[in-house]
Amino acid sequence: MNKIDEAINSIRSLECPTGQLENKVAGILEKYGVAGRTQINIDRSMMIMWPGLSMFTPTILSVFLPLI
């Protein structure tokens, strides 16, 4: 299993309060050497079908794209 797969498995089994989720996911990606914290962007969307639920989408920024 490569590092990204290990990181994804760790994220899938993550249990923590919603307020800590973004920091925990970024920490896991950094721990497995997938990306540094400055390369990780986590968006939270409230636009889903069930009230009170939200969706988090982690994105790893490419080293070839400039940060603006």
PDB file of N, CA and C in Angstrom:
ATOM      1  N   MET A   1       0.855  -1.179   0.000  1.00  0.00           N
ATOM      2  CA  MET A   1       0.000   0.000   0.000  1.00  0.00           C
ATOM      3  C   MET A   1       0.902   1.244   0.000  1.00  0.00           C
ATOM      4  N   ASN A   2       0.581   2.231  -0.851  1.00  0.00           N
ATOM      5  CA  ASN A   2       1.410   3.431  -0.881  1.00  0.00           C
ATOM      6  C   ASN A   2       0.925   4.460   0.150  1.00  0.00           C
ATOM      7  N   LYS A   3       1.653   5.553   0.258  1.00  0.00           N
ATOM      8  CA  LYS A   3       1.374   6.530   1.319  1.00  0.00           C
ATOM      9  C   LYS A   3      -0.004   7.164   1.204  1.00  0.00           C
ATOM     10  N   ILE A   4      -0.436   7.476  -0.007  1.00  0.00           N
ATOM     11  CA  ILE A   4      -1.752   8.104  -0.158  1.00  0.00           C
ATOM     12  C   ILE A   4      -2.861   7.148   0.267  1.00  0.00           C
ATOM     13  N   ASP A   5      -2.719   5.859  -0.060  1.00  0.00           N
ATOM     14  CA  ASP A   5      -3.725   4.875   0.356  1.00  0.00           C
ATOM     15  C   ASP A   5      -3.763   4.734   1.872  1.00  0.00           C
ATOM     16  N   GLU A   6      -2.599   4.732   2.504  1.00  0.00           N
ATOM     17  CA  GLU A   6      -2.541   4.648   3.959  1.00  0.00           C
ATOM     18  C   GLU A   6      -3.189   5.879   4.593  1.00  0.00           C
ATOM     19  N   ALA A   7      -2.927   7.056   4.024  1.00  0.00           N
ATOM     20  CA  ALA A   7      -3.517   8.289   4.545  1.00  0.00           C
ATOM     21  C   ALA A   7      -5.038   8.257   4.403  1.00  0.00           C
ATOM     22  N   ILE A   8      -5.528   7.799   3.249  1.00  0.00           N
ATOM     23  CA  ILE A   8      -6.977   7.724   3.018  1.00  0.00           C
ATOM     24  C   ILE A   8      -7.629   6.761   4.000  1.00  0.00           C
ATOM     25  N   ASN A   9      -7.009   5.619   4.239  1.00  0.00           N
ATOM     26  CA  ASN A   9      -7.559   4.667   5.213  1.00  0.00           C
ATOM     27  C   ASN A   9      -7.605   5.265   6.605  1.00  0.00           C
ATOM     28  N   SER A  10      -6.584   6.016   6.960  1.00  0.00           N
ATOM     29  CA  SER A  10      -6.549   6.668   8.269  1.00  0.00           C
ATOM     30  C   SER A  10      -7.652   7.730   8.375  1.00  0.00           C
ATOM     31  N   ILE A  11      -7.881   8.468   7.296  1.00  0.00           N
ATOM     32  CA  ILE A  11      -8.926   9.496   7.288  1.00  0.00           C
ATOM     33  C   ILE A  11     -10.304   8.847   7.373  1.00  0.00           C
ATOM     34  N   ARG A  12     -10.494   7.747   6.684  1.00  0.00           N
ATOM     35  CA  ARG A  12     -11.798   7.059   6.708  1.00  0.00           C
ATOM     36  C   ARG A  12     -12.185   6.604   8.107  1.00  0.00           C
ATOM     37  N   SER A  13     -11.223   6.221   8.911  1.00  0.00           N
ATOM     38  CA  SER A  13     -11.528   5.725  10.253  1.00  0.00           C
ATOM     39  C   SER A  13     -11.441   6.823  11.318  1.00  0.00           C
ATOM     40  N   LEU A  14     -11.277   8.046  10.891  1.00  0.00           N
ATOM     41  CA  LEU A  14     -11.133   9.180  11.803  1.00  0.00           C
ATOM     42  C   LEU A  14     -12.447   9.472  12.521  1.00  0.00           C
ATOM     43  N   GLU A  15     -12.356   9.630  13.828  1.00  0.00           N
ATOM     44  CA  GLU A  15     -13.500  10.040  14.637  1.00  0.00           C
ATOM     45  C   GLU A  15     -13.062  11.201  15.506  1.00  0.00           C
ATOM     46  N   CYS A  16     -13.703  12.341  15.316  1.00  0.00           N
ATOM     47  CA  CYS A  16     -13.380  13.520  16.115  1.00  0.00           C
ATOM     48  C   CYS A  16     -14.512  14.527  15.983  1.00  0.00           C
ATOM     49  N   PRO A  17     -14.564  15.527  16.863  1.00  0.00           N
ATOM     50  CA  PRO A  17     -15.581  16.575  16.738  1.00  0.00           C
ATOM     51  C   PRO A  17     -15.409  17.325  15.413  1.00  0.00           C
ATOM     52  N   THR A  18     -16.519  17.781  14.853  1.00  0.00           N
ATOM     53  CA  THR A  18     -16.503  18.467  13.563  1.00  0.00           C
ATOM     54  C   THR A  18     -15.527  19.641  13.546  1.00  0.00           C
ATOM     55  N   GLY A  19     -15.432  20.365  14.620  1.00  0.00           N
ATOM     56  CA  GLY A  19     -14.538  21.523  14.683  1.00  0.00           C
ATOM     57  C   GLY A  19     -13.072  21.169  14.550  1.00  0.00           C
ATOM     58  N   GLN A  20     -12.719  19.929  14.804  1.00  0.00           N
ATOM     59  CA  GLN A  20     -11.319  19.497  14.712  1.00  0.00           C
ATOM     60  C   GLN A  20     -11.012  18.748  13.418  1.00  0.00           C
ATOM     61  N   LEU A  21     -12.033  18.459  12.631  1.00  0.00           N
ATOM     62  CA  LEU A  21     -11.874  17.611  11.459  1.00  0.00           C
ATOM     63  C   LEU A  21     -10.871  18.162  10.446  1.00  0.00           C
ATOM     64  N   GLU A  22     -10.990  19.436  10.118  1.00  0.00           N
ATOM     65  CA  GLU A  22     -10.091  20.018   9.121  1.00  0.00           C
ATOM     66  C   GLU A  22      -8.631  19.899   9.549  1.00  0.00           C
ATOM     67  N   ASN A  23      -8.345  20.202  10.794  1.00  0.00           N
ATOM     68  CA  ASN A  23      -6.983  20.133  11.298  1.00  0.00           C
ATOM     69  C   ASN A  23      -6.474  18.690  11.342  1.00  0.00           C
ATOM     70  N   LYS A  24      -7.339  17.762  11.725  1.00  0.00           N
ATOM     71  CA  LYS A  24      -6.953  16.342  11.800  1.00  0.00           C
ATOM     72  C   LYS A  24      -6.632  15.781  10.412  1.00  0.00           C
ATOM     73  N   VAL A  25      -7.470  16.081   9.405  1.00  0.00           N
ATOM     74  CA  VAL A  25      -7.230  15.593   8.043  1.00  0.00           C
ATOM     75  C   VAL A  25      -5.924  16.162   7.504  1.00  0.00           C
ATOM     76  N   ALA A  26      -5.697  17.447   7.690  1.00  0.00           N
ATOM     77  CA  ALA A  26      -4.451  18.059   7.238  1.00  0.00           C
ATOM     78  C   ALA A  26      -3.252  17.423   7.940  1.00  0.00           C
ATOM     79  N   GLY A  27      -3.388  17.132   9.230  1.00  0.00           N
ATOM     80  CA  GLY A  27      -2.316  16.486   9.981  1.00  0.00           C
ATOM     81  C   GLY A  27      -2.003  15.089   9.470  1.00  0.00           C
ATOM     82  N   ILE A  28      -3.039  14.335   9.119  1.00  0.00           N
ATOM     83  CA  ILE A  28      -2.839  12.981   8.600  1.00  0.00           C
ATOM     84  C   ILE A  28      -2.120  13.038   7.251  1.00  0.00           C
ATOM     85  N   LEU A  29      -2.567  13.924   6.355  1.00  0.00           N
ATOM     86  CA  LEU A  29      -1.921  14.041   5.044  1.00  0.00           C
ATOM     87  C   LEU A  29      -0.455  14.447   5.190  1.00  0.00           C
ATOM     88  N   GLU A  30      -0.183  15.319   6.147  1.00  0.00           N
ATOM     89  CA  GLU A  30       1.193  15.737   6.401  1.00  0.00           C
ATOM     90  C   GLU A  30       2.008  14.595   7.016  1.00  0.00           C
ATOM     91  N   LYS A  31       1.418  13.865   7.957  1.00  0.00           N
ATOM     92  CA  LYS A  31       2.099  12.764   8.643  1.00  0.00           C
ATOM     93  C   LYS A  31       2.557  11.689   7.660  1.00  0.00           C
ATOM     94  N   TYR A  32       1.716  11.368   6.683  1.00  0.00           N
ATOM     95  CA  TYR A  32       2.063  10.333   5.711  1.00  0.00           C
ATOM     96  C   TYR A  32       2.902  10.862   4.554  1.00  0.00           C
ATOM     97  N   GLY A  33       3.265  12.127   4.598  1.00  0.00           N
ATOM     98  CA  GLY A  33       4.126  12.694   3.566  1.00  0.00           C
ATOM     99  C   GLY A  33       3.418  12.916   2.239  1.00  0.00           C
ATOM    100  N   VAL A  34       2.084  12.995   2.275  1.00  0.00           N
ATOM    101  CA  VAL A  34       1.321  13.210   1.049  1.00  0.00           C
ATOM    102  C   VAL A  34       1.440  14.663   0.609  1.00  0.00           C
ATOM    103  N   ALA A  35       1.380  15.581   1.568  1.00  0.00           N
ATOM    104  CA  ALA A  35       1.475  17.010   1.273  1.00  0.00           C
ATOM    105  C   ALA A  35       1.762  17.771   2.552  1.00  0.00           C
ATOM    106  N   GLY A  36       2.375  18.931   2.408  1.00  0.00           N
ATOM    107  CA  GLY A  36       2.610  19.819   3.542  1.00  0.00           C
ATOM    108  C   GLY A  36       1.354  20.638   3.825  1.00  0.00           C
ATOM    109  N   ARG A  37       1.257  21.195   5.004  1.00  0.00           N
ATOM    110  CA  ARG A  37       0.042  21.948   5.377  1.00  0.00           C
ATOM    111  C   ARG A  37      -0.256  23.098   4.426  1.00  0.00           C
ATOM    112  N   THR A  38       0.767  23.728   3.863  1.00  0.00           N
ATOM    113  CA  THR A  38       0.522  24.844   2.946  1.00  0.00           C
ATOM    114  C   THR A  38      -0.014  24.368   1.598  1.00  0.00           C
ATOM    115  N   GLN A  39       0.022  23.077   1.336  1.00  0.00           N
ATOM    116  CA  GLN A  39      -0.480  22.527   0.079  1.00  0.00           C
ATOM    117  C   GLN A  39      -1.870  21.912   0.232  1.00  0.00           C
ATOM    118  N   ILE A  40      -2.444  21.979   1.420  1.00  0.00           N
ATOM    119  CA  ILE A  40      -3.726  21.330   1.694  1.00  0.00           C
ATOM    120  C   ILE A  40      -4.812  22.388   1.891  1.00  0.00           C
ATOM    121  N   ASN A  41      -5.900  22.221   1.147  1.00  0.00           N
ATOM    122  CA  ASN A  41      -7.048  23.102   1.285  1.00  0.00           C
ATOM    123  C   ASN A  41      -8.268  22.223   1.564  1.00  0.00           C
ATOM    124  N   ILE A  42      -9.015  22.543   2.615  1.00  0.00           N
ATOM    125  CA  ILE A  42     -10.199  21.748   2.962  1.00  0.00           C
ATOM    126  C   ILE A  42     -11.415  22.665   2.941  1.00  0.00           C
ATOM    127  N   ASP A  43     -12.334  22.367   2.020  1.00  0.00           N
ATOM    128  CA  ASP A  43     -13.555  23.156   1.877  1.00  0.00           C
ATOM    129  C   ASP A  43     -14.699  22.454   2.597  1.00  0.00           C
ATOM    130  N   ARG A  44     -15.514  23.248   3.251  1.00  0.00           N
ATOM    131  CA  ARG A  44     -16.679  22.708   3.951  1.00  0.00           C
ATOM    132  C   ARG A  44     -17.936  23.181   3.228  1.00  0.00           C
ATOM    133  N   SER A  45     -18.764  22.252   2.803  1.00  0.00           N
ATOM    134  CA  SER A  45     -19.974  22.579   2.070  1.00  0.00           C
ATOM    135  C   SER A  45     -21.201  22.259   2.915  1.00  0.00           C
ATOM    136  N   MET A  46     -22.099  23.185   2.984  1.00  0.00           N
ATOM    137  CA  MET A  46     -23.359  22.973   3.695  1.00  0.00           C
ATOM    138  C   MET A  46     -24.466  22.614   2.711  1.00  0.00           C
ATOM    139  N   MET A  47     -24.123  22.476   1.448  1.00  0.00           N
ATOM    140  CA  MET A  47     -25.092  22.252   0.379  1.00  0.00           C
ATOM    141  C   MET A  47     -25.324  20.763   0.141  1.00  0.00           C
ATOM    142  N   ILE A  48     -25.861  20.059   1.123  1.00  0.00           N
ATOM    143  CA  ILE A  48     -26.213  18.659   0.947  1.00  0.00           C
ATOM    144  C   ILE A  48     -27.652  18.448   1.376  1.00  0.00           C
ATOM    145  N   MET A  49     -28.158  17.281   1.129  1.00  0.00           N
ATOM    146  CA  MET A  49     -29.583  17.011   1.255  1.00  0.00           C
ATOM    147  C   MET A  49     -30.120  16.955   2.692  1.00  0.00           C
ATOM    148  N   TRP A  50     -29.301  16.649   3.664  1.00  0.00           N
ATOM    149  CA  TRP A  50     -29.789  16.464   5.029  1.00  0.00           C
ATOM    150  C   TRP A  50     -29.455  17.668   5.893  1.00  0.00           C
ATOM    151  N   PRO A  51     -30.442  18.258   6.546  1.00  0.00           N
ATOM    152  CA  PRO A  51     -30.190  19.417   7.420  1.00  0.00           C
ATOM    153  C   PRO A  51     -29.234  19.057   8.549  1.00  0.00           C
ATOM    154  N   GLY A  52     -28.333  19.966   8.852  1.00  0.00           N
ATOM    155  CA  GLY A  52     -27.402  19.776   9.953  1.00  0.00           C
ATOM    156  C   GLY A  52     -26.144  19.015   9.581  1.00  0.00           C
ATOM    157  N   LEU A  53     -26.064  18.504   8.366  1.00  0.00           N
ATOM    158  CA  LEU A  53     -24.878  17.779   7.929  1.00  0.00           C
ATOM    159  C   LEU A  53     -24.058  18.651   6.995  1.00  0.00           C
ATOM    160  N   SER A  54     -22.777  18.419   6.959  1.00  0.00           N
ATOM    161  CA  SER A  54     -21.920  19.136   6.030  1.00  0.00           C
ATOM    162  C   SER A  54     -20.923  18.164   5.425  1.00  0.00           C
ATOM    163  N   MET A  55     -20.338  18.564   4.319  1.00  0.00           N
ATOM    164  CA  MET A  55     -19.397  17.722   3.606  1.00  0.00           C
ATOM    165  C   MET A  55     -18.053  18.446   3.546  1.00  0.00           C
ATOM    166  N   PHE A  56     -16.988  17.697   3.773  1.00  0.00           N
ATOM    167  CA  PHE A  56     -15.653  18.260   3.719  1.00  0.00           C
ATOM    168  C   PHE A  56     -14.925  17.692   2.506  1.00  0.00           C
ATOM    169  N   THR A  57     -14.289  18.544   1.728  1.00  0.00           N
ATOM    170  CA  THR A  57     -13.563  18.110   0.542  1.00  0.00           C
ATOM    171  C   THR A  57     -12.108  18.565   0.648  1.00  0.00           C
ATOM    172  N   PRO A  58     -11.188  17.629   0.929  1.00  0.00           N
ATOM    173  CA  PRO A  58      -9.781  18.009   0.969  1.00  0.00           C
ATOM    174  C   PRO A  58      -9.205  18.059  -0.451  1.00  0.00           C
ATOM    175  N   THR A  59      -8.390  19.057  -0.720  1.00  0.00           N
ATOM    176  CA  THR A  59      -7.723  19.203  -2.005  1.00  0.00           C
ATOM    177  C   THR A  59      -6.241  19.408  -1.741  1.00  0.00           C
ATOM    178  N   ILE A  60      -5.429  18.666  -2.463  1.00  0.00           N
ATOM    179  CA  ILE A  60      -3.981  18.833  -2.362  1.00  0.00           C
ATOM    180  C   ILE A  60      -3.559  19.694  -3.541  1.00  0.00           C
ATOM    181  N   LEU A  61      -3.018  20.861  -3.254  1.00  0.00           N
ATOM    182  CA  LEU A  61      -2.607  21.774  -4.301  1.00  0.00           C
ATOM    183  C   LEU A  61      -1.360  21.257  -4.997  1.00  0.00           C
ATOM    184  N   SER A  62      -1.318  21.427  -6.284  1.00  0.00           N
ATOM    185  CA  SER A  62      -0.176  20.974  -7.075  1.00  0.00           C
ATOM    186  C   SER A  62       1.020  21.887  -6.817  1.00  0.00           C
ATOM    187  N   VAL A  63       2.191  21.310  -6.814  1.00  0.00           N
ATOM    188  CA  VAL A  63       3.405  22.104  -6.632  1.00  0.00           C
ATOM    189  C   VAL A  63       3.679  22.933  -7.873  1.00  0.00           C
ATOM    190  N   PHE A  64       2.967  22.638  -8.958  1.00  0.00           N
ATOM    191  CA  PHE A  64       3.170  23.366 -10.218  1.00  0.00           C
ATOM    192  C   PHE A  64       2.253  24.561 -10.371  1.00  0.00           C
ATOM    193  N   LEU A  65       1.266  24.688  -9.462  1.00  0.00           N
ATOM    194  CA  LEU A  65       0.355  25.821  -9.509  1.00  0.00           C
ATOM    195  C   LEU A  65       0.784  26.855  -8.479  1.00  0.00           C
ATOM    196  N   PRO A  66       0.788  28.116  -8.853  1.00  0.00           N
ATOM    197  CA  PRO A  66       1.159  29.163  -7.879  1.00  0.00           C
ATOM    198  C   PRO A  66       0.078  29.362  -6.829  1.00  0.00           C
ATOM    199  N   LEU A  67       0.481  29.670  -5.618  1.00  0.00           N
ATOM    200  CA  LEU A  67      -0.481  30.013  -4.553  1.00  0.00           C
ATOM    201  C   LEU A  67      -0.802  31.477  -4.663  1.00  0.00           C
ATOM    202  N   ILE A  68      -2.098  31.810  -4.664  1.00  0.00           N
ATOM    203  CA  ILE A  68      -2.489  33.217  -4.807  1.00  0.00           C
ATOM    204  C   ILE A  68      -3.138  33.669  -3.523  1.00  0.00           C
TER     205      ILE A  68
END
